[in-house]
PDB file of N, CA and C in Angstrom:
ATOM      1  N   MET A   1       0.463-160.470 -42.225  1.00  0.00           N
ATOM      2  CA  MET A   1      -0.384-160.568 -41.337  1.00  0.00           C
ATOM      3  C   MET A   1      -0.323-159.172 -40.382  1.00  0.00           C
ATOM      4  N   MET A   2      -1.647-158.523 -40.171  1.00  0.00           N
ATOM      5  CA  MET A   2      -1.545-157.347 -39.242  1.00  0.00           C
ATOM      6  C   MET A   2      -1.964-157.815 -38.007  1.00  0.00           C
ATOM      7  N   ARG A   3      -1.664-157.151 -36.994  1.00  0.00           N
ATOM      8  CA  ARG A   3      -1.912-157.304 -35.627  1.00  0.00           C
ATOM      9  C   ARG A   3      -2.767-155.988 -35.166  1.00  0.00           C
ATOM     10  N   CYS A   4      -3.693-156.095 -34.465  1.00  0.00           N
ATOM     11  CA  CYS A   4      -4.461-155.060 -33.719  1.00  0.00           C
ATOM     12  C   CYS A   4      -3.547-154.229 -32.833  1.00  0.00           C
ATOM     13  N   VAL A   5      -3.472-153.077 -32.954  1.00  0.00           N
ATOM     14  CA  VAL A   5      -2.713-151.937 -32.176  1.00  0.00           C
ATOM     15  C   VAL A   5      -3.402-152.132 -30.597  1.00  0.00           C
ATOM     16  N   ALA A   6      -4.516-152.294 -30.511  1.00  0.00           N
ATOM     17  CA  ALA A   6      -5.187-152.330 -29.140  1.00  0.00           C
ATOM     18  C   ALA A   6      -5.088-153.697 -28.253  1.00  0.00           C
ATOM     19  N   CYS A   7      -5.128-154.754 -29.004  1.00  0.00           N
ATOM     20  CA  CYS A   7      -5.136-155.915 -28.153  1.00  0.00           C
ATOM     21  C   CYS A   7      -4.267-157.016 -29.007  1.00  0.00           C
ATOM     22  N   GLY A   8      -3.646-156.756 -30.043  1.00  0.00           N
ATOM     23  CA  GLY A   8      -2.546-157.703 -30.350  1.00  0.00           C
ATOM     24  C   GLY A   8      -3.018-158.912 -31.234  1.00  0.00           C
ATOM     25  N   THR A   9      -4.337-159.046 -31.437  1.00  0.00           N
ATOM     26  CA  THR A   9      -4.855-159.957 -32.117  1.00  0.00           C
ATOM     27  C   THR A   9      -4.845-159.870 -33.582  1.00  0.00           C
ATOM     28  N   GLU A  10      -4.679-160.909 -34.342  1.00  0.00           N
ATOM     29  CA  GLU A  10      -4.781-160.731 -35.888  1.00  0.00           C
ATOM     30  C   GLU A  10      -5.911-160.129 -36.459  1.00  0.00           C
ATOM     31  N   MET A  11      -5.711-159.215 -37.353  1.00  0.00           N
ATOM     32  CA  MET A  11      -6.838-158.589 -38.048  1.00  0.00           C
ATOM     33  C   MET A  11      -7.011-159.143 -39.452  1.00  0.00           C
ATOM     34  N   LEU A  12      -8.435-159.182 -39.559  1.00  0.00           N
ATOM     35  CA  LEU A  12      -9.047-159.638 -40.983  1.00  0.00           C
ATOM     36  C   LEU A  12      -9.345-158.737 -42.062  1.00  0.00           C
ATOM     37  N   LEU A  13      -8.722-158.847 -43.232  1.00  0.00           N
ATOM     38  CA  LEU A  13      -9.233-157.827 -44.353  1.00  0.00           C
ATOM     39  C   LEU A  13     -10.658-158.018 -44.891  1.00  0.00           C
ATOM     40  N   VAL A  14     -11.373-157.094 -44.458  1.00  0.00           N
ATOM     41  CA  VAL A  14     -12.642-157.220 -44.859  1.00  0.00           C
ATOM     42  C   VAL A  14     -13.106-156.409 -46.050  1.00  0.00           C
ATOM     43  N   ARG A  15     -12.535-155.221 -46.500  1.00  0.00           N
ATOM     44  CA  ARG A  15     -12.856-154.664 -47.524  1.00  0.00           C
ATOM     45  C   ARG A  15     -11.570-153.918 -48.315  1.00  0.00           C
ATOM     46  N   VAL A  16     -11.431-154.040 -49.790  1.00  0.00           N
ATOM     47  CA  VAL A  16     -10.714-153.304 -50.447  1.00  0.00           C
ATOM     48  C   VAL A  16     -11.489-152.308 -51.490  1.00  0.00           C
ATOM     49  N   ALA A  17     -11.240-151.043 -51.399  1.00  0.00           N
ATOM     50  CA  ALA A  17     -11.823-150.037 -52.281  1.00  0.00           C
ATOM     51  C   ALA A  17     -10.706-149.118 -52.913  1.00  0.00           C
ATOM     52  N   PRO A  18     -10.890-148.695 -54.344  1.00  0.00           N
ATOM     53  CA  PRO A  18      -9.875-148.019 -54.924  1.00  0.00           C
ATOM     54  C   PRO A  18     -10.056-146.629 -54.241  1.00  0.00           C
ATOM     55  N   ASP A  19      -8.965-145.815 -54.153  1.00  0.00           N
ATOM     56  CA  ASP A  19      -8.881-144.584 -53.395  1.00  0.00           C
ATOM     57  C   ASP A  19      -8.515-143.420 -54.601  1.00  0.00           C
ATOM     58  N   ASN A  20      -9.694-142.709 -54.872  1.00  0.00           N
ATOM     59  CA  ASN A  20      -9.409-141.559 -55.823  1.00  0.00           C
ATOM     60  C   ASN A  20      -9.046-140.187 -55.308  1.00  0.00           C
ATOM     61  N   THR A  21      -8.746-140.189 -54.051  1.00  0.00           N
ATOM     62  CA  THR A  21      -8.207-138.846 -53.522  1.00  0.00           C
ATOM     63  C   THR A  21      -7.021-138.503 -53.648  1.00  0.00           C
ATOM     64  N   MET A  22      -6.025-139.448 -54.202  1.00  0.00           N
ATOM     65  CA  MET A  22      -4.751-139.094 -54.410  1.00  0.00           C
ATOM     66  C   MET A  22      -4.465-138.580 -55.813  1.00  0.00           C
ATOM     67  N   ILE A  23      -3.487-137.958 -56.129  1.00  0.00           N
ATOM     68  CA  ILE A  23      -3.234-137.297 -57.425  1.00  0.00           C
ATOM     69  C   ILE A  23      -2.892-138.404 -58.387  1.00  0.00           C
ATOM     70  N   SER A  24      -2.190-139.570 -58.016  1.00  0.00           N
ATOM     71  CA  SER A  24      -1.648-140.580 -58.936  1.00  0.00           C
ATOM     72  C   SER A  24      -2.635-141.789 -58.798  1.00  0.00           C
ATOM     73  N   SER A  25      -2.836-142.565 -59.629  1.00  0.00           N
ATOM     74  CA  SER A  25      -3.669-143.797 -59.456  1.00  0.00           C
ATOM     75  C   SER A  25      -2.965-145.112 -58.957  1.00  0.00           C
ATOM     76  N   GLY A  26      -3.840-145.975 -58.514  1.00  0.00           N
ATOM     77  CA  GLY A  26      -2.976-147.142 -58.004  1.00  0.00           C
ATOM     78  C   GLY A  26      -2.920-147.219 -56.382  1.00  0.00           C
ATOM     79  N   TYR A  27      -3.757-146.356 -55.837  1.00  0.00           N
ATOM     80  CA  TYR A  27      -3.893-146.488 -54.353  1.00  0.00           C
ATOM     81  C   TYR A  27      -5.315-147.103 -54.039  1.00  0.00           C
ATOM     82  N   GLU A  28      -5.238-147.872 -53.022  1.00  0.00           N
ATOM     83  CA  GLU A  28      -6.414-148.589 -52.599  1.00  0.00           C
ATOM     84  C   GLU A  28      -6.438-148.425 -51.005  1.00  0.00           C
ATOM     85  N   ARG A  29      -7.835-148.488 -50.431  1.00  0.00           N
ATOM     86  CA  ARG A  29      -7.943-148.453 -48.999  1.00  0.00           C
ATOM     87  C   ARG A  29      -8.444-149.586 -48.741  1.00  0.00           C
ATOM     88  N   TYR A  30      -7.514-150.153 -47.687  1.00  0.00           N
ATOM     89  CA  TYR A  30      -7.761-151.434 -47.083  1.00  0.00           C
ATOM     90  C   TYR A  30      -8.578-151.247 -45.540  1.00  0.00           C
ATOM     91  N   THR A  31      -9.492-151.984 -45.485  1.00  0.00           N
ATOM     92  CA  THR A  31     -10.274-151.961 -44.337  1.00  0.00           C
ATOM     93  C   THR A  31     -10.218-153.160 -43.494  1.00  0.00           C
ATOM     94  N   LEU A  32      -9.454-153.265 -42.301  1.00  0.00           N
ATOM     95  CA  LEU A  32      -9.221-154.377 -41.584  1.00  0.00           C
ATOM     96  C   LEU A  32      -9.894-154.451 -40.294  1.00  0.00           C
ATOM     97  N   GLN A  33     -10.362-155.640 -39.835  1.00  0.00           N
ATOM     98  CA  GLN A  33     -11.240-155.800 -38.548  1.00  0.00           C
ATOM     99  C   GLN A  33     -10.500-156.674 -37.519  1.00  0.00           C
ATOM    100  N   CYS A  34     -10.494-156.287 -36.253  1.00  0.00           N
ATOM    101  CA  CYS A  34      -9.822-157.178 -35.452  1.00  0.00           C
ATOM    102  C   CYS A  34     -10.682-158.402 -35.078  1.00  0.00           C
ATOM    103  N   LEU A  35     -10.073-159.646 -35.080  1.00  0.00           N
ATOM    104  CA  LEU A  35     -10.860-160.762 -34.546  1.00  0.00           C
ATOM    105  C   LEU A  35     -11.151-160.816 -33.161  1.00  0.00           C
ATOM    106  N   GLY A  36     -10.235-160.070 -32.355  1.00  0.00           N
ATOM    107  CA  GLY A  36     -10.406-160.199 -30.883  1.00  0.00           C
ATOM    108  C   GLY A  36     -11.608-159.145 -30.379  1.00  0.00           C
ATOM    109  N   CYS A  37     -11.105-157.823 -30.678  1.00  0.00           N
ATOM    110  CA  CYS A  37     -11.901-156.745 -30.231  1.00  0.00           C
ATOM    111  C   CYS A  37     -12.801-156.046 -31.153  1.00  0.00           C
ATOM    112  N   PHE A  38     -12.846-156.588 -32.414  1.00  0.00           N
ATOM    113  CA  PHE A  38     -13.578-156.028 -33.462  1.00  0.00           C
ATOM    114  C   PHE A  38     -13.420-154.500 -33.897  1.00  0.00           C
ATOM    115  N   GLU A  39     -12.084-154.001 -33.446  1.00  0.00           N
ATOM    116  CA  GLU A  39     -11.732-152.715 -33.810  1.00  0.00           C
ATOM    117  C   GLU A  39     -11.601-152.761 -35.350  1.00  0.00           C
ATOM    118  N   ILE A  40     -11.772-151.408 -35.920  1.00  0.00           N
ATOM    119  CA  ILE A  40     -11.540-151.273 -37.314  1.00  0.00           C
ATOM    120  C   ILE A  40     -10.603-150.402 -37.579  1.00  0.00           C
ATOM    121  N   GLU A  41      -9.558-150.572 -38.564  1.00  0.00           N
ATOM    122  CA  GLU A  41      -8.725-149.790 -39.189  1.00  0.00           C
ATOM    123  C   GLU A  41      -8.759-149.734 -40.562  1.00  0.00           C
ATOM    124  N   GLU A  42      -8.195-148.457 -40.875  1.00  0.00           N
ATOM    125  CA  GLU A  42      -8.071-148.248 -42.481  1.00  0.00           C
ATOM    126  C   GLU A  42      -6.582-148.079 -42.940  1.00  0.00           C
ATOM    127  N   HIS A  43      -6.277-148.629 -43.881  1.00  0.00           N
ATOM    128  CA  HIS A  43      -4.818-148.351 -44.438  1.00  0.00           C
ATOM    129  C   HIS A  43      -4.830-148.044 -45.892  1.00  0.00           C
ATOM    130  N   LEU A  44      -4.072-146.947 -46.241  1.00  0.00           N
ATOM    131  CA  LEU A  44      -3.941-146.409 -47.729  1.00  0.00           C
ATOM    132  C   LEU A  44      -2.719-147.337 -48.165  1.00  0.00           C
ATOM    133  N   VAL A  45      -3.049-148.043 -49.310  1.00  0.00           N
ATOM    134  CA  VAL A  45      -1.971-148.936 -49.862  1.00  0.00           C
ATOM    135  C   VAL A  45      -1.771-148.564 -51.385  1.00  0.00           C
ATOM    136  N   PHE A  46      -0.489-148.635 -51.698  1.00  0.00           N
ATOM    137  CA  PHE A  46      -0.247-148.300 -53.190  1.00  0.00           C
ATOM    138  C   PHE A  46       0.165-149.629 -53.701  1.00  0.00           C
ATOM    139  N   ASN A  47      -0.752-149.958 -54.633  1.00  0.00           N
ATOM    140  CA  ASN A  47      -0.437-151.244 -55.374  1.00  0.00           C
ATOM    141  C   ASN A  47      -0.132-151.096 -56.861  1.00  0.00           C
ATOM    142  N   GLY A  48       0.276-150.039 -57.301  1.00  0.00           N
ATOM    143  CA  GLY A  48       0.574-149.722 -58.527  1.00  0.00           C
ATOM    144  C   GLY A  48      -0.678-149.426 -59.503  1.00  0.00           C
ATOM    145  N   ALA A  49      -0.487-148.817 -60.875  1.00  0.00           N
ATOM    146  CA  ALA A  49      -1.525-148.412 -61.434  1.00  0.00           C
ATOM    147  C   ALA A  49      -2.230-149.672 -62.273  1.00  0.00           C
ATOM    148  N   LYS A  50      -3.373-149.753 -61.894  1.00  0.00           N
ATOM    149  CA  LYS A  50      -4.251-150.896 -62.333  1.00  0.00           C
ATOM    150  C   LYS A  50      -4.656-150.649 -63.859  1.00  0.00           C
ATOM    151  N   SER A  51      -4.705-149.452 -64.326  1.00  0.00           N
ATOM    152  CA  SER A  51      -5.214-149.268 -65.752  1.00  0.00           C
ATOM    153  C   SER A  51      -3.973-149.463 -66.468  1.00  0.00           C
ATOM    154  N   PRO A  52      -4.273-149.833 -67.981  1.00  0.00           N
ATOM    155  CA  PRO A  52      -3.189-150.074 -68.833  1.00  0.00           C
ATOM    156  C   PRO A  52      -2.708-148.670 -69.160  1.00  0.00           C
ATOM    157  N   PRO A  53      -1.318-148.767 -69.452  1.00  0.00           N
ATOM    158  CA  PRO A  53      -0.582-147.237 -69.820  1.00  0.00           C
ATOM    159  C   PRO A  53      -1.066-146.754 -71.147  1.00  0.00           C
ATOM    160  N   THR A  54      -1.072-145.617 -71.132  1.00  0.00           N
ATOM    161  CA  THR A  54      -1.790-144.805 -72.122  1.00  0.00           C
ATOM    162  C   THR A  54      -0.811-144.890 -73.336  1.00  0.00           C
ATOM    163  N   PRO A  55      -1.051-145.129 -74.576  1.00  0.00           N
ATOM    164  CA  PRO A  55      -0.054-145.429 -75.710  1.00  0.00           C
ATOM    165  C   PRO A  55       0.299-144.038 -76.108  1.00  0.00           C
ATOM    166  N   SER A  56       1.686-144.111 -76.356  1.00  0.00           N
ATOM    167  CA  SER A  56       2.377-142.738 -76.646  1.00  0.00           C
ATOM    168  C   SER A  56       2.013-142.480 -78.370  1.00  0.00           C
ATOM    169  N   PRO A  57       2.033-141.310 -78.807  1.00  0.00           N
ATOM    170  CA  PRO A  57       1.726-140.700 -80.060  1.00  0.00           C
ATOM    171  C   PRO A  57       2.602-141.426 -80.805  1.00  0.00           C
ATOM    172  N   PRO A  58       2.376-141.711 -82.203  1.00  0.00           N
ATOM    173  CA  PRO A  58       3.206-142.212 -83.221  1.00  0.00           C
ATOM    174  C   PRO A  58       4.194-141.289 -83.453  1.00  0.00           C
ATOM    175  N   LEU A  59       5.474-141.646 -83.839  1.00  0.00           N
ATOM    176  CA  LEU A  59       6.571-140.841 -84.212  1.00  0.00           C
ATOM    177  C   LEU A  59       6.802-140.445 -85.455  1.00  0.00           C
ATOM    178  N   ASP A  60       5.907-140.434 -86.457  1.00  0.00           N
ATOM    179  CA  ASP A  60       5.863-140.186 -87.764  1.00  0.00           C
ATOM    180  C   ASP A  60       6.454-138.910 -88.027  1.00  0.00           C
ATOM    181  N   GLY A  61       7.580-138.801 -88.719  1.00  0.00           N
ATOM    182  CA  GLY A  61       7.982-137.387 -89.085  1.00  0.00           C
ATOM    183  C   GLY A  61       8.997-136.789 -87.834  1.00  0.00           C
ATOM    184  N   ALA A  62       8.891-137.435 -86.593  1.00  0.00           N
ATOM    185  CA  ALA A  62       9.681-137.000 -85.421  1.00  0.00           C
ATOM    186  C   ALA A  62      11.150-137.134 -85.706  1.00  0.00           C
ATOM    187  N   LEU A  63      11.408-138.186 -86.288  1.00  0.00           N
ATOM    188  CA  LEU A  63      12.901-138.683 -86.531  1.00  0.00           C
ATOM    189  C   LEU A  63      13.660-137.777 -87.547  1.00  0.00           C
ATOM    190  N   ASP A  64      12.813-137.213 -88.407  1.00  0.00           N
ATOM    191  CA  ASP A  64      13.323-136.418 -89.610  1.00  0.00           C
ATOM    192  C   ASP A  64      13.865-135.295 -88.967  1.00  0.00           C
ATOM    193  N   ALA A  65      13.245-134.748 -87.986  1.00  0.00           N
ATOM    194  CA  ALA A  65      13.676-133.377 -87.365  1.00  0.00           C
ATOM    195  C   ALA A  65      14.911-133.456 -86.634  1.00  0.00           C
ATOM    196  N   LEU A  66      15.273-134.673 -86.169  1.00  0.00           N
ATOM    197  CA  LEU A  66      16.435-135.076 -85.392  1.00  0.00           C
ATOM    198  C   LEU A  66      17.681-135.272 -86.494  1.00  0.00           C
ATOM    199  N   GLU A  67      17.516-135.509 -87.710  1.00  0.00           N
ATOM    200  CA  GLU A  67      18.477-135.997 -88.599  1.00  0.00           C
ATOM    201  C   GLU A  67      19.457-134.351 -88.853  1.00  0.00           C
ATOM    202  N   PRO A  68      20.709-134.562 -88.910  1.00  0.00           N
ATOM    203  CA  PRO A  68      21.460-133.377 -89.144  1.00  0.00           C
ATOM    204  C   PRO A  68      21.003-133.053 -90.551  1.00  0.00           C
ATOM    205  N   SER A  69      21.261-131.853 -90.762  1.00  0.00           N
ATOM    206  CA  SER A  69      21.105-131.202 -92.320  1.00  0.00           C
ATOM    207  C   SER A  69      22.271-131.375 -92.896  1.00  0.00           C
ATOM    208  N   THR A  70      22.278-131.669 -94.429  1.00  0.00           N
ATOM    209  CA  THR A  70      23.451-131.760 -95.098  1.00  0.00           C
ATOM    210  C   THR A  70      24.044-130.193 -95.571  1.00  0.00           C
ATOM    211  N   GLU A  71      23.312-129.097 -95.132  1.00  0.00           N
ATOM    212  CA  GLU A  71      23.819-127.984 -95.787  1.00  0.00           C
ATOM    213  C   GLU A  71      24.652-127.308 -94.444  1.00  0.00           C
ATOM    214  N   PRO A  72      25.693-126.577 -94.709  1.00  0.00           N
ATOM    215  CA  PRO A  72      26.606-126.079 -93.785  1.00  0.00           C
ATOM    216  C   PRO A  72      25.748-124.977 -93.124  1.00  0.00           C
ATOM    217  N   GLN A  73      26.013-124.651 -91.938  1.00  0.00           N
ATOM    218  CA  GLN A  73      24.985-123.396 -91.271  1.00  0.00           C
ATOM    219  C   GLN A  73      26.166-122.347 -91.036  1.00  0.00           C
ATOM    220  N   ASP A  74      25.955-121.088 -91.368  1.00  0.00           N
ATOM    221  CA  ASP A  74      26.670-119.996 -91.136  1.00  0.00           C
ATOM    222  C   ASP A  74      26.532-119.630 -89.494  1.00  0.00           C
ATOM    223  N   MET A  75      27.513-119.765 -88.654  1.00  0.00           N
ATOM    224  CA  MET A  75      27.482-119.365 -87.305  1.00  0.00           C
ATOM    225  C   MET A  75      28.057-117.922 -86.951  1.00  0.00           C
ATOM    226  N   SER A  76      28.422-117.389 -88.085  1.00  0.00           N
ATOM    227  CA  SER A  76      29.175-116.082 -87.953  1.00  0.00           C
ATOM    228  C   SER A  76      28.332-115.040 -87.242  1.00  0.00           C
ATOM    229  N   GLY A  77      27.004-115.001 -87.892  1.00  0.00           N
ATOM    230  CA  GLY A  77      25.990-114.135 -87.266  1.00  0.00           C
ATOM    231  C   GLY A  77      25.420-114.587 -86.180  1.00  0.00           C
ATOM    232  N   SER A  78      25.898-115.381 -85.278  1.00  0.00           N
ATOM    233  CA  SER A  78      25.231-115.970 -84.045  1.00  0.00           C
ATOM    234  C   SER A  78      25.371-114.916 -83.046  1.00  0.00           C
ATOM    235  N   SER A  79      24.298-114.860 -82.435  1.00  0.00           N
ATOM    236  CA  SER A  79      24.000-113.727 -81.417  1.00  0.00           C
ATOM    237  C   SER A  79      24.704-114.304 -79.994  1.00  0.00           C
ATOM    238  N   LEU A  80      25.503-115.384 -79.936  1.00  0.00           N
ATOM    239  CA  LEU A  80      26.184-115.724 -78.749  1.00  0.00           C
ATOM    240  C   LEU A  80      27.260-114.951 -78.525  1.00  0.00           C
ATOM    241  N   SER A  81      27.733-114.592 -77.304  1.00  0.00           N
ATOM    242  CA  SER A  81      28.868-113.771 -77.035  1.00  0.00           C
ATOM    243  C   SER A  81      29.853-114.673 -76.394  1.00  0.00           C
ATOM    244  N   ALA A  82      29.935-115.928 -76.628  1.00  0.00           N
ATOM    245  CA  ALA A  82      30.785-116.742 -76.092  1.00  0.00           C
ATOM    246  C   ALA A  82      32.192-116.651 -76.716  1.00  0.00           C
ATOM    247  N   PRO A  83      33.420-116.652 -75.931  1.00  0.00           N
ATOM    248  CA  PRO A  83      34.544-116.593 -76.686  1.00  0.00           C
ATOM    249  C   PRO A  83      34.716-117.837 -77.572  1.00  0.00           C
ATOM    250  N   SER A  84      35.838-117.762 -78.740  1.00  0.00           N
ATOM    251  CA  SER A  84      35.850-118.729 -79.612  1.00  0.00           C
ATOM    252  C   SER A  84      36.974-119.662 -78.968  1.00  0.00           C
ATOM    253  N   LEU A  85      37.133-120.816 -79.472  1.00  0.00           N
ATOM    254  CA  LEU A  85      37.925-121.841 -79.037  1.00  0.00           C
ATOM    255  C   LEU A  85      39.363-121.353 -78.907  1.00  0.00           C
ATOM    256  N   ALA A  86      39.972-120.580 -79.905  1.00  0.00           N
ATOM    257  CA  ALA A  86      41.186-120.115 -80.009  1.00  0.00           C
ATOM    258  C   ALA A  86      41.398-119.231 -78.724  1.00  0.00           C
ATOM    259  N   GLU A  87      40.536-118.102 -78.426  1.00  0.00           N
ATOM    260  CA  GLU A  87      40.583-117.329 -77.374  1.00  0.00           C
ATOM    261  C   GLU A  87      40.488-117.976 -76.161  1.00  0.00           C
ATOM    262  N   ARG A  88      39.808-119.073 -76.057  1.00  0.00           N
ATOM    263  CA  ARG A  88      39.904-119.849 -74.783  1.00  0.00           C
ATOM    264  C   ARG A  88      41.098-120.621 -74.273  1.00  0.00           C
ATOM    265  N   LEU A  89      41.814-121.003 -75.439  1.00  0.00           N
ATOM    266  CA  LEU A  89      43.079-121.824 -75.225  1.00  0.00           C
ATOM    267  C   LEU A  89      44.316-120.963 -75.292  1.00  0.00           C
ATOM    268  N   ARG A  90      44.111-119.548 -75.632  1.00  0.00           N
ATOM    269  CA  ARG A  90      45.357-118.840 -75.627  1.00  0.00           C
ATOM    270  C   ARG A  90      45.960-118.743 -74.248  1.00  0.00           C
ATOM    271  N   PRO A  91      47.257-118.872 -74.178  1.00  0.00           N
ATOM    272  CA  PRO A  91      48.025-118.700 -72.678  1.00  0.00           C
ATOM    273  C   PRO A  91      47.821-117.127 -72.187  1.00  0.00           C
ATOM    274  N   ARG A  92      47.794-116.867 -71.075  1.00  0.00           N
ATOM    275  CA  ARG A  92      47.777-115.630 -70.596  1.00  0.00           C
ATOM    276  C   ARG A  92      48.818-115.462 -69.864  1.00  0.00           C
TER     277      ARG A  92
END
């Protein structure tokens, strides 16, 4: 229940319209009118996305790229300059 800021009387919801000025969807503009002094107020309300979610693309072949290869990979030619495990564990 909303109360009028001017007189404190209960306000009546007279109109609900979607609001397209926000970046994300799901906002609505509520128009309320006071039953005592007939003052009109508008409120922006988030009611969640009303449209159905967009389906994600099929994952055909995407999981194959995540599986580890059975061939060993040569890391000696790696361009990384990180110290080896033995160098990091060596006491100083």
